[in-house]
Amino acid sequence: MSKVCIIAWVYGRVQGVGFRYTTQYEAKRLGLTGYAKNLDDGSVEVVA
């Protein structure tokens, strides 16, 4: 099986609204690994 890494930066109202929690839930449901972290500019970086 091939491995693929996707990096996404999500902008808008994504901090303080449960975005990282929801992202984690969906990633686990899909069997993905990685992380999501808040950035200083108010965006979120997602690596999977």
Protein backbone atom coordinates (compact mmCIF):
# COMPACT_ATOMS: atom_id res chain seq x y z
CA MET A 1 0.00 0.00 0.00
CA SER A 2 1.30 3.47 -0.89
CA LYS A 3 1.56 6.22 1.68
CA VAL A 4 0.42 9.76 0.91
CA CYS A 5 0.85 12.90 3.00
CA ILE A 6 -1.59 15.78 2.63
CA ILE A 7 -1.01 19.19 4.21
CA ALA A 8 -3.89 21.67 4.31
CA TRP A 9 -4.19 25.15 5.76
CA VAL A 10 -7.73 26.05 6.71
CA TYR A 11 -8.71 29.71 6.99
CA GLY A 12 -11.79 31.46 8.29
CA ARG A 13 -13.53 30.93 11.61
CA VAL A 14 -11.76 27.71 12.56
CA GLN A 15 -10.40 28.41 16.04
CA GLY A 16 -12.64 28.17 19.09
CA VAL A 17 -15.47 26.40 17.24
CA GLY A 18 -14.48 22.72 17.60
CA PHE A 19 -12.82 22.41 14.18
CA ARG A 20 -9.80 20.43 15.42
CA TYR A 21 -12.02 18.10 17.49
CA THR A 22 -14.26 17.41 14.48
CA THR A 23 -11.22 16.91 12.25
CA GLN A 24 -9.77 14.40 14.74
CA TYR A 25 -13.08 12.53 14.95
CA GLU A 26 -13.39 12.24 11.16
CA ALA A 27 -9.74 11.23 10.74
CA LYS A 28 -10.14 8.41 13.26
CA ARG A 29 -13.35 7.31 11.55
CA LEU A 30 -11.49 7.13 8.22
CA GLY A 31 -8.41 5.43 9.71
CA LEU A 32 -6.10 8.39 9.06
CA THR A 33 -3.19 9.57 11.18
CA GLY A 34 -1.70 13.04 11.52
CA TYR A 35 -2.42 16.23 13.40
CA ALA A 36 -4.20 19.58 13.33
CA LYS A 37 -2.75 22.61 15.06
CA ASN A 38 -3.72 26.24 15.53
CA LEU A 39 -1.42 28.77 13.87
CA ASP A 40 -0.68 32.30 15.05
CA ASP A 41 -2.57 33.87 12.12
CA GLY A 42 -5.85 32.24 13.21
CA SER A 43 -5.76 29.42 10.68
CA VAL A 44 -5.36 25.69 11.31
CA GLU A 45 -2.73 23.42 9.74
CA VAL A 46 -3.90 19.86 9.08
CA VAL A 47 -1.41 17.10 8.21
CA ALA A 48 -2.69 13.62 7.34
